[in-house]
């Protein structure tokens, strides 16, 4: 089968990904599903794995296969795998495994499990024709979306949803979104469906136009000041400098939620300008399976407009370069 591997992490312009045309099709282990990949989203986390912002967890050669927004058809079941049958459509997301015994797992915070493992970082992901996933961490998918539309929901959608929950946006509140890519354009629609007033601050005219089309009340540059104080904000862009204008834009008691797994350093804060009056700064770490079920259930009930740009599997490296360059709005999706 064809599969991409991160052979030497580094800038995507230097081709750290290599396509292997004749990898063996993996065999599902106990409790696992073998998925024939139908579509795989291209996530900014894949870029961080490829460029080495996230330290390698699978050494080269051959290096890990990225991809954790995977829509697949169940091709085979390992011993003891339950919940799916051959031919079912199933999703594989970022969270691949937790120990289910630690303090965090027992209190419902499995996203904080110290032993957690991740698709496309600890185990081979969906930049390939086949991959495996533990059945207990695979997801049932809504029927009213195409394979390509579903792929971004499995990380961009789920993480955006958790970031929105962490931002504690009050009903009918004023939300600022900093950066407007694959995850942000989905979280924005959830917020708008709940009656929020949305202000989008981002680079790139294509992203700004998409924000206008989705119903943003205002659209501006990434470091601009929104036209009114914000009850909550979400920082999707992996740029620590933007935490300062986002915090300064919050009203009293507002919360800034940082959605990414990687962020450049945040400059020194001014206490009275950025934190005083009970402003909060909160991070987001992965997601729980409960988050995924809630979000996918919401997506089944309220059809989201998922903006996708298909790339053939053989062009995965180009898709990552285009992602870094901000060459498209919405999300890129690989189609084997």
Protein backbone atom coordinates (compact mmCIF):
# COMPACT_ATOMS: atom_id res chain seq x y z
CA UNK A 1 0.00 0.00 0.00
CA UNK A 2 1.01 3.66 -0.34
CA UNK A 3 1.86 5.50 2.88
CA UNK A 4 3.69 8.70 3.80
CA UNK A 5 6.31 8.73 6.58
CA UNK A 6 8.02 11.55 8.45
CA UNK A 7 11.59 10.46 7.80
CA UNK A 8 13.44 13.55 9.03
CA UNK A 9 11.32 16.21 10.79
CA UNK A 10 11.98 19.69 9.45
CA UNK A 11 10.47 22.52 7.39
CA UNK A 12 7.90 21.23 4.91
CA UNK A 13 9.74 23.08 2.13
CA UNK A 14 12.58 20.60 2.64
CA UNK A 15 10.38 17.53 1.99
CA UNK A 16 10.56 15.78 5.38
CA UNK A 17 7.68 13.53 4.26
CA UNK A 18 8.44 10.61 1.97
CA UNK A 19 5.90 8.50 0.11
CA UNK A 20 6.50 4.74 0.40
CA UNK A 21 4.70 2.95 -2.46
CA UNK A 22 4.90 -0.60 -1.14
CA UNK A 23 4.31 -0.69 2.63
CA UNK A 24 2.64 -3.81 3.93
CA UNK A 25 -1.03 -3.50 4.85
CA UNK A 26 -1.10 -3.56 8.68
CA UNK A 27 -2.85 -6.35 10.55
CA UNK A 28 -5.35 -5.40 13.24
CA UNK A 29 -4.26 -6.49 16.69
CA UNK A 30 -6.57 -7.64 19.49
CA UNK A 31 -9.44 -5.19 19.87
CA UNK A 32 -8.46 -3.24 16.74
CA UNK A 33 -10.12 -2.42 13.42
CA UNK A 34 -8.36 -2.34 10.08
CA UNK A 35 -9.66 0.66 8.14
CA UNK A 36 -9.47 1.19 4.41
CA UNK A 37 -8.93 4.95 4.34
CA UNK A 38 -11.64 6.81 2.42
CA UNK A 39 -10.58 10.33 3.40
CA UNK A 40 -8.06 11.91 5.77
CA UNK A 41 -8.08 15.54 6.86
CA UNK A 42 -4.88 17.59 6.85
CA UNK A 43 -4.56 19.13 10.30
CA UNK A 44 -2.13 21.73 11.64
CA UNK A 45 -1.04 19.12 14.19
CA UNK A 46 0.22 17.01 11.24
CA UNK A 47 2.33 20.01 10.29
CA UNK A 48 3.74 20.20 13.85
CA UNK A 49 4.58 16.45 13.76
CA UNK A 50 6.18 16.77 10.32
CA UNK A 51 8.25 19.84 11.12
CA UNK A 52 9.34 18.59 14.56
CA UNK A 53 7.47 21.15 16.69
CA UNK A 54 6.14 18.02 18.39
CA UNK A 55 9.07 15.71 19.19
CA UNK A 56 9.05 12.42 17.24
CA UNK A 57 7.45 9.50 19.05
CA UNK A 58 8.19 6.99 16.28
CA UNK A 59 11.82 6.97 15.11
CA UNK A 60 12.88 6.79 11.49
CA UNK A 61 13.29 4.75 9.49
CA UNK A 62 10.58 4.70 8.41
CA UNK A 63 9.10 7.31 10.80
CA UNK A 64 5.45 7.74 11.68
CA UNK A 65 2.64 8.12 9.15
CA UNK A 66 0.72 11.30 10.03
CA UNK A 67 -3.04 11.81 9.84
CA UNK A 68 -5.70 11.66 12.54
CA UNK A 69 -8.89 12.88 10.86
CA UNK A 70 -9.62 9.56 9.22
CA UNK A 71 -12.83 8.29 7.67
CA UNK A 72 -12.52 4.65 6.77
CA UNK A 73 -14.36 1.49 5.87
CA UNK A 74 -13.84 -1.41 8.25
CA UNK A 75 -11.89 -3.98 6.23
CA UNK A 76 -11.14 -6.47 9.03
CA UNK A 77 -11.52 -6.90 12.79
CA UNK A 78 -8.91 -8.07 15.24
CA UNK A 79 -9.71 -10.63 17.90
CA UNK A 80 -12.23 -9.27 20.39
CA UNK A 81 -12.98 -6.05 18.49
CA UNK A 82 -16.56 -4.98 19.15
CA UNK A 83 -19.04 -2.34 18.04
CA UNK A 84 -18.34 -2.45 14.30
CA UNK A 85 -18.71 -4.88 11.44
CA UNK A 86 -16.91 -5.34 8.14
CA UNK A 87 -18.07 -2.68 5.69
CA UNK A 88 -19.10 -0.15 8.36
CA UNK A 89 -17.92 3.44 8.06
CA UNK A 90 -15.84 4.44 11.10
CA UNK A 91 -13.74 7.38 12.18
CA UNK A 92 -10.29 7.51 13.77
CA UNK A 93 -9.35 10.67 15.66
CA UNK A 94 -6.32 12.08 17.52
CA UNK A 95 -6.91 10.24 20.82
CA UNK A 96 -5.98 6.60 20.17
CA UNK A 97 -5.61 5.02 23.61
CA UNK A 98 -5.68 5.75 27.35
CA UNK A 99 -4.98 3.49 30.31
CA UNK A 100 -8.48 3.87 31.85
CA UNK A 101 -6.98 3.42 35.31
CA UNK A 102 -5.21 6.67 36.20
CA UNK A 103 -6.68 9.46 38.32
CA UNK A 104 -7.55 11.50 35.24
CA UNK A 105 -9.30 8.68 33.40
CA UNK A 106 -11.29 7.77 36.50
CA UNK A 107 -12.60 11.32 36.86
CA UNK A 108 -13.63 11.60 33.20
CA UNK A 109 -10.58 13.58 32.03
CA UNK A 110 -9.00 10.91 29.84
CA UNK A 111 -7.53 13.65 27.63
CA UNK A 112 -5.06 14.29 30.48
CA UNK A 113 -4.01 10.63 30.86
CA UNK A 114 -0.18 10.57 31.19
CA UNK A 115 -0.05 7.29 29.25
CA UNK A 116 -2.28 8.49 26.38
CA UNK A 117 -1.32 7.68 22.81
CA UNK A 118 -2.20 9.50 19.62
CA UNK A 119 -3.01 8.64 16.03
CA UNK A 120 -0.37 9.91 13.60
CA UNK A 121 2.15 10.56 16.39
CA UNK A 122 2.48 7.37 18.48
CA UNK A 123 0.93 5.10 15.83
CA UNK A 124 0.61 5.30 12.07
CA UNK A 125 -2.28 7.41 10.85
CA UNK A 126 -4.30 8.12 7.75
CA UNK A 127 -1.80 9.47 5.21
CA UNK A 128 -2.01 5.96 3.81
CA UNK A 129 -4.39 3.52 2.14
CA UNK A 130 -4.92 1.46 5.31
CA UNK A 131 -4.48 1.95 9.06
CA UNK A 132 -5.54 0.38 12.34
CA UNK A 133 -7.46 1.89 15.26
CA UNK A 134 -8.61 0.40 18.59
CA UNK A 135 -12.34 -0.24 18.22
CA UNK A 136 -13.00 1.37 21.62
CA UNK A 137 -11.56 4.66 20.29
CA UNK A 138 -13.20 4.56 16.84
CA UNK A 139 -16.24 6.73 16.20
CA UNK A 140 -19.65 6.21 14.67
CA UNK A 141 -20.18 8.86 12.01
CA UNK A 142 -23.24 10.88 10.95
CA UNK A 143 -24.87 9.72 7.74
CA UNK A 144 -25.62 13.15 6.27
CA UNK A 145 -22.02 14.03 5.28
CA UNK A 146 -19.68 12.86 2.55
CA UNK A 147 -16.41 11.15 3.48
CA UNK A 148 -14.49 14.35 2.69
CA UNK A 149 -16.83 16.49 4.81
CA UNK A 150 -16.59 14.11 7.75
CA UNK A 151 -12.80 14.02 7.92
CA UNK A 152 -12.26 17.53 9.39
CA UNK A 153 -14.98 16.92 11.96
CA UNK A 154 -12.80 14.25 13.59
CA UNK A 155 -10.22 16.69 14.95
CA UNK A 156 -10.86 20.22 13.74
CA UNK A 157 -14.49 19.85 14.72
CA UNK A 158 -13.99 18.01 18.00
CA UNK A 159 -11.13 20.22 19.23
CA UNK A 160 -12.96 23.37 18.18
CA UNK A 161 -15.97 22.18 20.14
CA UNK A 162 -13.87 21.51 23.26
CA UNK A 163 -12.18 24.91 22.88
CA UNK A 164 -15.60 26.55 22.70
CA UNK A 165 -16.70 24.71 25.84
CA UNK A 166 -13.51 25.77 27.64
CA UNK A 167 -14.11 29.41 26.64
CA UNK A 168 -17.35 29.42 28.67
CA UNK A 169 -19.22 31.60 26.21
CA UNK A 170 -22.48 32.70 27.86
CA UNK A 171 -25.78 32.31 25.95
CA UNK A 172 -26.00 35.00 23.30
CA UNK A 173 -22.47 36.15 24.16
CA UNK A 174 -19.81 37.93 22.12
CA UNK A 175 -17.12 35.58 20.83
CA UNK A 176 -13.80 36.47 19.23
CA UNK A 177 -12.00 33.92 17.07
CA UNK A 178 -8.32 34.47 16.28
CA UNK A 179 -7.26 32.51 13.21
CA UNK A 180 -9.91 31.05 10.90
CA UNK A 181 -8.88 27.70 9.45
CA UNK A 182 -10.31 24.18 9.50
CA UNK A 183 -11.16 24.09 13.21
CA UNK A 184 -12.26 27.69 13.64
CA UNK A 185 -14.81 27.67 10.82
CA UNK A 186 -16.58 24.72 12.45
CA UNK A 187 -16.51 26.08 16.02
CA UNK A 188 -17.86 29.37 14.67
CA UNK A 189 -20.94 27.64 13.29
CA UNK A 190 -21.65 25.94 16.61
CA UNK A 191 -21.36 29.30 18.40
CA UNK A 192 -23.61 31.04 15.87
CA UNK A 193 -26.20 28.26 16.19
CA UNK A 194 -26.24 28.99 19.93
CA UNK A 195 -26.98 32.67 19.31
CA UNK A 196 -23.48 34.15 19.68
CA UNK A 197 -22.26 37.36 18.09
CA UNK A 198 -19.08 36.43 16.24
CA UNK A 199 -16.01 38.58 15.59
CA UNK A 200 -13.25 36.98 13.49
CA UNK A 201 -9.66 38.24 13.49
CA UNK A 202 -7.39 36.49 11.02
CA UNK A 203 -4.87 36.90 8.22
CA UNK A 204 -5.74 36.04 4.65
CA UNK A 205 -8.61 37.38 2.56
CA UNK A 206 -9.97 33.90 1.72
CA UNK A 207 -10.42 33.11 5.42
CA UNK A 208 -11.99 36.52 6.04
CA UNK A 209 -14.44 36.03 3.20
CA UNK A 210 -15.45 32.61 4.55
CA UNK A 211 -16.06 34.21 7.97
CA UNK A 212 -18.32 36.83 6.38
CA UNK A 213 -20.25 34.16 4.49
CA UNK A 214 -20.82 32.16 7.67
CA UNK A 215 -22.29 35.17 9.47
CA UNK A 216 -19.52 36.94 11.40
CA UNK A 217 -20.61 40.35 12.69
CA UNK A 218 -17.15 41.74 12.01
CA UNK A 219 -13.94 40.57 10.36
CA UNK A 220 -10.50 42.09 10.84
CA UNK A 221 -6.78 41.50 10.91
CA UNK A 222 -5.27 39.06 13.38
CA UNK A 223 -4.12 41.73 15.87
CA UNK A 224 -6.96 44.22 15.30
CA UNK A 225 -9.27 45.37 18.09
CA UNK A 226 -12.83 44.00 17.75
CA UNK A 227 -15.65 46.57 17.69
CA UNK A 228 -16.97 45.57 21.14
CA UNK A 229 -15.63 43.84 24.27
CA UNK A 230 -15.67 40.04 24.12
CA UNK A 231 -17.25 37.65 26.58
CA UNK A 232 -15.00 34.87 25.31
CA UNK A 233 -12.28 34.29 22.74
CA UNK A 234 -10.58 31.31 21.16
CA UNK A 235 -7.03 31.44 19.81
CA UNK A 236 -6.69 28.95 16.95
CA UNK A 237 -3.59 30.45 15.32
CA UNK A 238 -0.41 28.93 16.87
CA UNK A 239 0.99 32.42 17.50
CA UNK A 240 1.68 33.28 21.13
CA UNK A 241 1.90 37.01 20.37
CA UNK A 242 -1.85 37.02 19.65
CA UNK A 243 -2.69 36.01 23.22
CA UNK A 244 -2.05 39.61 24.30
CA UNK A 245 -4.55 41.39 22.01
CA UNK A 246 -7.04 38.58 22.61
CA UNK A 247 -6.82 38.98 26.40
CA UNK A 248 -6.96 42.77 26.11
CA UNK A 249 -10.16 42.46 24.03
CA UNK A 250 -11.97 40.51 26.77
CA UNK A 251 -14.66 42.13 28.87
CA UNK A 252 -14.60 41.68 32.65
CA UNK A 253 -14.82 38.00 33.55
CA UNK A 254 -14.04 36.90 29.98
CA UNK A 255 -12.10 33.77 29.05
CA UNK A 256 -9.49 33.14 26.37
CA UNK A 257 -9.24 29.49 25.31
CA UNK A 258 -6.13 28.37 23.40
CA UNK A 259 -7.04 25.53 21.07
CA UNK A 260 -3.71 24.35 19.64
CA UNK A 261 -1.35 21.60 20.75
CA UNK A 262 1.60 23.88 19.92
CA UNK A 263 1.98 27.63 20.48
CA UNK A 264 4.94 29.96 20.10
CA UNK A 265 5.96 31.70 23.32
CA UNK A 266 3.52 34.17 24.86
CA UNK A 267 5.18 37.54 25.56
CA UNK A 268 5.11 38.97 29.11
CA UNK A 269 1.61 39.92 30.28
CA UNK A 270 0.57 43.18 31.84
CA UNK A 271 -1.54 42.14 34.81
CA UNK A 272 -4.00 45.09 34.77
CA UNK A 273 -4.42 45.06 30.98
CA UNK A 274 -4.57 41.33 30.34
CA UNK A 275 -5.70 39.45 33.47
CA UNK A 276 -7.20 41.76 36.08
CA UNK A 277 -11.00 41.86 36.50
CA UNK A 278 -11.11 38.08 36.50
CA UNK A 279 -10.12 37.45 32.93
CA UNK A 280 -9.03 33.83 32.43
CA UNK A 281 -6.50 32.13 30.18
CA UNK A 282 -7.17 28.41 29.56
CA UNK A 283 -5.48 25.75 27.47
CA UNK A 284 -7.05 22.83 25.62
CA UNK A 285 -5.43 19.39 25.66
CA UNK A 286 -6.71 16.85 23.13
CA UNK A 287 -10.27 15.67 23.73
CA UNK A 288 -12.25 12.97 25.43
CA UNK A 289 -14.39 10.41 23.64
CA UNK A 290 -17.37 12.07 25.31
CA UNK A 291 -16.44 15.34 23.56
CA UNK A 292 -16.39 13.48 20.26
CA UNK A 293 -19.78 11.84 20.84
CA UNK A 294 -21.35 15.19 21.83
CA UNK A 295 -19.95 17.04 18.85
CA UNK A 296 -20.71 14.33 16.28
CA UNK A 297 -24.24 14.10 17.67
CA UNK A 298 -24.61 17.85 17.30
CA UNK A 299 -23.26 17.65 13.74
CA UNK A 300 -25.82 14.96 12.92
CA UNK A 301 -28.67 17.20 14.11
CA UNK A 302 -27.41 20.48 12.63
CA UNK A 303 -25.76 20.11 9.23
CA UNK A 304 -22.53 22.09 9.34
CA UNK A 305 -21.08 23.72 6.24
CA UNK A 306 -17.69 22.01 5.98
CA UNK A 307 -15.37 23.79 3.54
CA UNK A 308 -12.99 21.19 2.10
CA UNK A 309 -10.26 21.22 -0.52
CA UNK A 310 -9.50 17.71 -1.83
CA UNK A 311 -5.95 16.61 -2.62
CA UNK A 312 -4.90 13.18 -3.93
CA UNK A 313 -3.00 11.05 -1.42
CA UNK A 314 0.15 11.43 -3.52
CA UNK A 315 0.04 15.21 -2.90
CA UNK A 316 0.07 15.10 0.91
CA UNK A 317 3.33 17.04 1.11
CA UNK A 318 1.88 19.78 -1.10
CA UNK A 319 -1.24 19.94 1.06
CA UNK A 320 0.91 20.53 4.15
CA UNK A 321 2.91 23.25 2.38
CA UNK A 322 -0.33 24.94 1.31
CA UNK A 323 -1.66 24.70 4.87
CA UNK A 324 1.43 26.42 6.25
CA UNK A 325 1.22 29.13 3.60
CA UNK A 326 -2.46 29.80 4.33
CA UNK A 327 -3.27 29.04 0.70
CA UNK A 328 -6.85 27.87 1.32
CA UNK A 329 -9.80 28.49 3.61
CA UNK A 330 -11.48 25.65 5.49
CA UNK A 331 -9.66 22.30 5.49
CA UNK A 332 -7.62 20.18 3.09
CA UNK A 333 -8.59 16.50 2.76
CA UNK A 334 -6.55 13.67 1.26
CA UNK A 335 -8.49 11.23 -0.93
CA UNK A 336 -6.62 7.94 -1.61
